[in-house]
Amino acid sequence: MLFAPACDIRYDVDSCRCGRLMVDTLKVILISLVISTVSVFALGPAMLKWHGLLPRSDASAVTSPTASSVPATAREMSTPNIEGLSVRAARDRWSREGIMVIEEGERVDAKVKPGTILEQIPTGGAPLRQKEIHVIVAKSPEMVTVPNVVGQPLDRARNSLLSAGFEVPPAALERSDKPAGSVIRQNPNANAKSPKGSIARLVVSEQLREVPKVVGKRLPKARQALKDAGFEVGEITRREHPEISGGRVLRQSPPAEAQHVVGGAVDLVVVAPD
């Protein structure tokens, strides 16, 4: 009985020590867990990147996508401008880029060398969705012999040149002792070789004659007088006049006794009907 209290005291002391030890252990464990958790959140991504388990966040990957990551449709080429180049030069230059130059047709153009590219589809600068450029190239014009039309009447000379494939603008007039209305010069010269479709110019002889006076005549008689002299009646303007009866010629242009081209027109001012 004397030893019982001592045992109880030791038991209580041991129990207290065990309790403190458990508390301390729990504190250590909790602190370790907190530290581990913080470490995982703080250092985990860096460790994963270090071991290659998480991709690196490079600046280029974070900002904008590189050209290699852009879809091919968004990186379409612009069509190069190849007009003015020869087909051979264009093919030599752009075949290295995988671009085909395809001839679609030809067009006569005497201003450039045959084989020069005149048009292209797509046009220069447009998106090149397929690596193909279709082109129209220049070809040499057909050369034809110029017919000799000097001395011929204008209408016949014009028809001869048109049939040979030339364009014939209105003829120039020049005073000459040759018959009125006949060709006195042509360009290109007769029997020369010239591109088909080019222009042939003609100079025609004009014959001058004095214009008769028709002022004061009634319109039918004025017409006849002009016709007999080799002229045509041109524009007729009607004006009222308080003293002259209707239908008579008040003025004429060119005036009487003036030199005028045979077959030319004479304009008249006539008094309006009463």
Protein backbone atom coordinates (compact mmCIF):
# COMPACT_ATOMS: atom_id res chain seq x y z
CA MET A 1 0.00 0.00 0.00
CA LEU A 2 2.97 2.28 0.66
CA PHE A 3 4.11 1.96 -3.00
CA ALA A 4 0.76 2.47 -4.69
CA PRO A 5 0.86 6.27 -4.82
CA ALA A 6 4.33 6.29 -6.34
CA CYS A 7 3.20 4.02 -9.18
CA ASP A 8 0.23 6.22 -9.85
CA ILE A 9 2.47 9.28 -9.98
CA ARG A 10 4.91 7.65 -12.40
CA TYR A 11 2.00 6.47 -14.49
CA ASP A 12 0.59 9.97 -14.68
CA VAL A 13 3.98 11.43 -15.56
CA ASP A 14 4.52 8.87 -18.33
CA SER A 15 1.05 9.54 -19.64
CA CYS A 16 1.72 13.23 -19.76
CA ARG A 17 5.01 12.67 -21.50
CA CYS A 18 3.34 10.42 -24.07
CA GLY A 19 0.63 12.97 -24.64
CA ARG A 20 3.12 15.74 -25.21
CA LEU A 21 5.09 13.53 -27.56
CA MET A 22 2.01 12.76 -29.63
CA VAL A 23 1.08 16.41 -29.77
CA ASP A 24 4.58 17.33 -30.87
CA THR A 25 4.51 14.58 -33.46
CA LEU A 26 1.19 15.77 -34.81
CA LYS A 27 2.53 19.31 -35.02
CA VAL A 28 5.56 18.10 -36.99
CA ILE A 29 3.33 16.11 -39.30
CA LEU A 30 1.01 19.07 -39.88
CA ILE A 31 3.91 21.42 -40.48
CA SER A 32 5.40 18.92 -42.93
CA LEU A 33 2.11 18.64 -44.76
CA VAL A 34 1.79 22.41 -45.01
CA ILE A 35 5.36 22.74 -46.27
CA SER A 36 4.83 19.92 -48.77
CA THR A 37 1.62 21.48 -50.05
CA VAL A 38 3.21 24.88 -50.46
CA SER A 39 6.21 23.28 -52.18
CA VAL A 40 3.99 21.41 -54.59
CA PHE A 41 2.13 24.57 -55.61
CA ALA A 42 5.24 26.71 -55.72
CA LEU A 43 7.80 24.36 -57.20
CA GLY A 44 5.68 21.71 -58.85
CA PRO A 45 5.33 23.33 -62.33
CA ALA A 46 9.02 24.18 -62.38
CA MET A 47 9.95 20.60 -61.48
CA LEU A 48 7.57 19.21 -64.08
CA LYS A 49 9.08 21.46 -66.72
CA TRP A 50 12.56 20.44 -65.53
CA HIS A 51 11.69 16.78 -66.03
CA GLY A 52 10.00 17.47 -69.36
CA LEU A 53 6.51 16.60 -68.14
CA LEU A 54 5.10 20.08 -68.81
CA PRO A 55 5.79 22.08 -72.05
CA ARG A 56 7.84 25.22 -71.67
CA SER A 57 5.91 28.48 -72.04
CA ASP A 58 8.17 30.29 -74.50
CA ALA A 59 7.38 33.88 -75.35
CA SER A 60 6.79 32.93 -78.97
CA ALA A 61 4.25 30.30 -77.90
CA VAL A 62 2.46 32.64 -75.54
CA THR A 63 2.17 35.63 -77.84
CA SER A 64 1.33 34.99 -81.49
CA PRO A 65 1.48 31.73 -83.46
CA THR A 66 4.51 31.22 -85.66
CA ALA A 67 4.25 30.91 -89.42
CA SER A 68 4.60 27.13 -89.11
CA SER A 69 1.51 26.94 -86.88
CA VAL A 70 -0.67 29.03 -89.29
CA PRO A 71 -2.85 26.90 -91.59
CA ALA A 72 -1.74 26.71 -95.19
CA THR A 73 -4.91 28.46 -96.40
CA ALA A 74 -4.00 31.52 -94.29
CA ARG A 75 -0.54 31.68 -95.81
CA GLU A 76 -1.57 31.96 -99.48
CA MET A 77 1.00 33.42 -101.84
CA SER A 78 0.45 36.65 -103.73
CA THR A 79 0.49 36.26 -107.50
CA PRO A 80 3.69 37.70 -108.99
CA ASN A 81 3.32 40.28 -111.76
CA ILE A 82 4.78 38.68 -114.89
CA GLU A 83 3.25 40.91 -117.57
CA GLY A 84 5.94 42.25 -119.90
CA LEU A 85 8.18 39.22 -119.37
CA SER A 86 8.71 36.54 -121.96
CA VAL A 87 7.07 33.21 -121.23
CA ARG A 88 10.50 31.56 -121.00
CA ALA A 89 11.80 34.13 -118.49
CA ALA A 90 8.66 33.85 -116.37
CA ARG A 91 8.88 30.05 -116.29
CA ASP A 92 12.59 30.07 -115.45
CA ARG A 93 12.02 32.49 -112.59
CA TRP A 94 8.90 31.02 -110.99
CA SER A 95 9.24 27.31 -111.64
CA ARG A 96 11.63 27.24 -108.66
CA GLU A 97 8.65 28.32 -106.52
CA GLY A 98 6.52 25.55 -107.98
CA ILE A 99 4.41 27.99 -110.04
CA MET A 100 3.31 26.90 -113.53
CA VAL A 101 2.91 29.49 -116.32
CA ILE A 102 0.24 28.23 -118.74
CA GLU A 103 -0.37 29.79 -122.17
CA GLU A 104 -4.10 30.30 -122.78
CA GLY A 105 -3.90 32.10 -126.12
CA GLU A 106 -2.18 34.62 -128.38
CA ARG A 107 -2.92 38.16 -129.53
CA VAL A 108 -1.33 40.24 -132.27
CA ASP A 109 0.71 43.09 -130.84
CA ALA A 110 3.33 44.73 -133.04
CA LYS A 111 4.63 46.89 -130.16
CA VAL A 112 6.33 44.04 -128.27
CA LYS A 113 8.37 40.97 -129.11
CA PRO A 114 6.51 37.73 -129.87
CA GLY A 115 6.17 35.60 -126.74
CA THR A 116 5.82 38.58 -124.41
CA ILE A 117 3.13 38.15 -121.75
CA LEU A 118 0.30 40.66 -122.37
CA GLU A 119 -2.24 39.54 -119.76
CA GLN A 120 -2.30 37.19 -116.79
CA ILE A 121 -4.93 35.52 -114.60
CA PRO A 122 -4.79 35.95 -111.61
CA THR A 123 -3.54 39.50 -111.87
CA GLY A 124 -0.36 40.55 -110.10
CA GLY A 125 -0.83 40.88 -106.35
CA ALA A 126 -4.01 38.78 -106.19
CA PRO A 127 -4.07 35.66 -103.95
CA LEU A 128 -2.54 32.64 -105.69
CA ARG A 129 -4.82 29.83 -104.51
CA GLN A 130 -3.36 27.39 -107.04
CA LYS A 131 0.21 27.58 -108.23
CA GLU A 132 -0.88 28.33 -111.79
CA ILE A 133 -0.83 31.56 -113.81
CA HIS A 134 -2.70 31.60 -117.13
CA VAL A 135 -1.35 34.06 -119.68
CA ILE A 136 -2.06 35.64 -123.09
CA VAL A 137 1.11 36.18 -125.12
CA ALA A 138 1.97 38.40 -128.08
CA LYS A 139 2.37 36.96 -131.52
CA SER A 140 3.81 38.40 -134.71
CA PRO A 141 1.25 40.06 -136.98
CA GLU A 142 0.60 38.62 -140.42
CA MET A 143 2.44 40.63 -143.07
CA VAL A 144 0.52 41.43 -146.26
CA THR A 145 1.33 43.25 -149.49
CA VAL A 146 -0.14 46.73 -149.81
CA PRO A 147 -2.19 47.08 -153.02
CA ASN A 148 -1.51 49.95 -155.41
CA VAL A 149 -4.50 52.32 -155.30
CA VAL A 150 -2.95 55.56 -156.59
CA GLY A 151 -5.08 57.02 -159.38
CA GLN A 152 -8.17 55.07 -158.35
CA PRO A 153 -11.41 56.76 -157.23
CA LEU A 154 -11.62 56.99 -153.45
CA ASP A 155 -14.38 54.40 -153.03
CA ARG A 156 -12.59 51.77 -155.10
CA ALA A 157 -9.24 52.43 -153.41
CA ARG A 158 -10.82 52.18 -149.98
CA ASN A 159 -12.52 48.87 -150.78
CA SER A 160 -9.25 47.40 -152.12
CA LEU A 161 -7.40 48.26 -148.92
CA LEU A 162 -10.19 46.98 -146.68
CA SER A 163 -10.25 43.68 -148.57
CA ALA A 164 -6.48 43.35 -148.05
CA GLY A 165 -7.00 43.65 -144.27
CA PHE A 166 -6.12 47.30 -143.64
CA GLU A 167 -7.99 49.99 -141.72
CA VAL A 168 -8.68 53.10 -143.79
CA PRO A 169 -9.50 56.37 -141.97
CA PRO A 170 -11.11 59.33 -143.82
CA ALA A 171 -8.90 60.53 -146.65
CA ALA A 172 -7.07 63.86 -146.57
CA LEU A 173 -7.79 66.38 -149.33
CA GLU A 174 -5.14 68.18 -151.36
CA ARG A 175 -5.29 70.48 -154.34
CA SER A 176 -4.12 68.75 -157.46
CA ASP A 177 -4.44 68.73 -161.23
CA LYS A 178 -5.59 65.11 -160.97
CA PRO A 179 -9.27 64.23 -161.31
CA ALA A 180 -11.26 65.29 -158.26
CA GLY A 181 -11.79 62.45 -155.80
CA SER A 182 -8.92 60.31 -157.09
CA VAL A 183 -6.07 59.01 -154.88
CA ILE A 184 -2.84 60.94 -155.42
CA ARG A 185 -0.80 59.38 -152.54
CA GLN A 186 -0.96 56.39 -150.22
CA ASN A 187 0.87 55.30 -147.07
CA PRO A 188 2.23 52.60 -146.85
CA ASN A 189 3.45 52.66 -150.41
CA ALA A 190 2.21 50.19 -152.98
CA ASN A 191 3.72 46.65 -152.85
CA ALA A 192 5.26 47.22 -149.40
CA LYS A 193 4.87 44.58 -146.69
CA SER A 194 2.80 45.82 -143.75
CA PRO A 195 1.10 44.14 -140.76
CA LYS A 196 -2.43 43.02 -141.45
CA GLY A 197 -4.86 45.21 -139.56
CA SER A 198 -2.61 48.28 -139.64
CA ILE A 199 -3.72 51.69 -140.96
CA ALA A 200 -3.45 52.74 -144.60
CA ARG A 201 -3.81 56.47 -145.23
CA LEU A 202 -4.92 58.09 -148.46
CA VAL A 203 -4.61 61.58 -149.93
CA VAL A 204 -7.30 62.48 -152.46
CA SER A 205 -7.28 65.22 -155.07
CA GLU A 206 -9.73 68.03 -154.46
CA GLN A 207 -11.06 70.23 -157.23
CA LEU A 208 -12.09 73.78 -156.36
CA ARG A 209 -14.89 75.59 -158.15
CA GLU A 210 -16.62 78.93 -157.72
CA VAL A 211 -19.84 78.79 -155.74
CA PRO A 212 -22.83 80.26 -157.64
CA LYS A 213 -24.98 83.00 -156.08
CA VAL A 214 -28.29 81.62 -154.84
CA VAL A 215 -29.32 84.40 -152.39
CA GLY A 216 -32.75 85.74 -153.35
CA LYS A 217 -33.72 82.56 -155.22
CA ARG A 218 -36.52 80.33 -154.07
CA LEU A 219 -35.28 77.11 -152.47
CA PRO A 220 -36.03 74.70 -155.39
CA LYS A 221 -34.16 76.93 -157.87
CA ALA A 222 -31.27 77.36 -155.42
CA ARG A 223 -30.98 73.60 -155.07
CA GLN A 224 -30.83 73.14 -158.82
CA ALA A 225 -28.21 75.86 -159.29
CA LEU A 226 -25.94 74.34 -156.70
CA LYS A 227 -26.37 70.86 -158.14
CA ASP A 228 -25.55 72.07 -161.65
CA ALA A 229 -22.35 73.63 -160.31
CA GLY A 230 -21.30 70.36 -158.67
CA PHE A 231 -22.28 71.15 -155.06
CA GLU A 232 -24.70 69.73 -152.53
CA VAL A 233 -27.21 71.59 -150.36
CA GLY A 234 -26.10 71.35 -146.75
CA GLU A 235 -27.91 72.51 -143.61
CA ILE A 236 -31.05 74.61 -144.14
CA THR A 237 -32.05 77.09 -141.41
CA ARG A 238 -35.41 78.90 -141.58
CA ARG A 239 -35.88 82.46 -140.36
CA GLU A 240 -38.78 84.87 -140.49
CA HIS A 241 -38.40 88.12 -142.44
CA PRO A 242 -40.91 91.01 -142.50
CA GLU A 243 -40.21 92.07 -146.11
CA ILE A 244 -39.18 88.94 -148.01
CA SER A 245 -41.68 86.27 -148.87
CA GLY A 246 -41.29 82.76 -147.53
CA GLY A 247 -39.10 80.17 -149.29
CA ARG A 248 -36.43 82.56 -150.56
CA VAL A 249 -32.71 82.23 -149.66
CA LEU A 250 -31.48 84.93 -147.28
CA ARG A 251 -27.83 83.78 -146.89
CA GLN A 252 -25.47 81.10 -148.13
CA SER A 253 -22.21 79.64 -146.80
CA PRO A 254 -19.74 79.58 -148.48
CA PRO A 255 -20.75 82.86 -150.09
CA ALA A 256 -21.14 83.42 -153.81
CA GLU A 257 -17.94 83.44 -155.91
CA ALA A 258 -15.95 81.67 -153.16
CA GLN A 259 -13.77 78.69 -154.13
CA HIS A 260 -15.20 75.47 -152.71
CA VAL A 261 -14.43 71.77 -153.09
CA VAL A 262 -16.44 70.12 -155.83
CA GLY A 263 -19.08 67.94 -154.23
CA GLY A 264 -18.95 69.96 -151.00
CA ALA A 265 -22.02 71.22 -149.17
CA VAL A 266 -23.39 74.77 -149.21
CA ASP A 267 -25.47 75.76 -146.15
CA LEU A 268 -28.54 77.99 -146.66
CA VAL A 269 -30.69 80.32 -144.55
CA VAL A 270 -34.21 80.42 -145.96
CA VAL A 271 -37.20 82.66 -145.10
CA ALA A 272 -39.82 80.77 -143.17
CA PRO A 273 -43.19 80.21 -144.90
CA ASP A 274 -45.74 83.02 -144.58
